[in-house]
Amino acid sequence: MLAQLIVSGIAVGCVYALIALGMTILFRSTTIVNFCHGEFFMLGAFAVLVPLQTLGWSYGWSLLFSLCLLFAAGMAVERGLMRPLRHAPHISLAMMTVALSYLFKGIARFFYGREVVALPPLMAGDPMFFGDVVLTPQDMLIMGVVLVIVAAAFAFFQKTELGKVVEAASETPRGASLSGINVPLLRNLMWGAGATMGALAGILIAPNTLVYPDMGGHMLVRGFAAMTLGGFGSLPGAVLGGITLGVMENLAGGYLSSALVEIAAYLVIITVLLIRPQGLLGNWRRDRG
């Protein structure tokens, strides 16, 4: 039972890691914590479901449509709503993302109410047995995709000139602009990339959790908890935090009480902020004020 809980927790934690990774990439490139990231997660799942079930598209085309749509949506949010506030206090930017979260959720509720819809798995097939541990093909797909995304994100920021330019532009935007770097374009692309990663996480987990308008809120809290646990701005921390949170939830639900699964993320946030505010792999930074 212990091995099964840990492996299942890792599979779920990989989705949390992907959500936290999308938020971390945006935070590193813009210093904004995106509170509507959960709705990108939800919209990504719906953007596959609608053409798949209503328009009769294949899964592959529906998946491609969803990722492209959310990339464009992320860019549109940055260009139309966030960029006009670029000189505003950070609290204004945060409140804008909160408002967008409720707007997107309201739009989904308008069309679907509180209906819960099933999304077929991306990879069907019989479960695979590894001793006492059972893994579904969908779980293995989730872990494989997250591994590739993590490696790509790490390589982008650590090994490529563009990744280093993005980080430099976030730390000293004025200096980057004077050096000829198109800072607004970089931020626009990072918003698109963050939204796409949120959508991909929604698509991967939707066959297990079902699709409904409020699904993003639950995942946002878990992504935020993973970022807090791993350390804000740390790509390895986002992954470690997500997987650790998934395993903790499964162990708490399996050995203590299933009610703890719903509050585990909140307990993690509170505990980490009290004991180690910088997280497991983050750096402590005092407020500049």
Foldseek 3Di string as FASTA:
>chain_A
DLVQLLLQLLLQLLLLLLLLLLQQLLCLLAVARQLLLLLLLQQLQVQLVCCVPPVVDDSVVSNVRSLVVLLVVLLCCCVPPVVVCSVPDNVVNRVSSVVVNVVSLVVQCVVQPFDFAADDAPDADDWDDDDPYTDGPLSVVSVVVSVVVLVVVCCQLPPDPVNVLSSVCNVPVVVSVVVVDPSSVSSSSSSSVSSSSSSVSSNSCCNPVTRGSCRSNQSSLSSVLQCQQLFRNDSVSSSVSSSVLSSVLSVCCVPPNNVCNSCSSVVSNVVCCVPPRRHDHGDDDDDPD
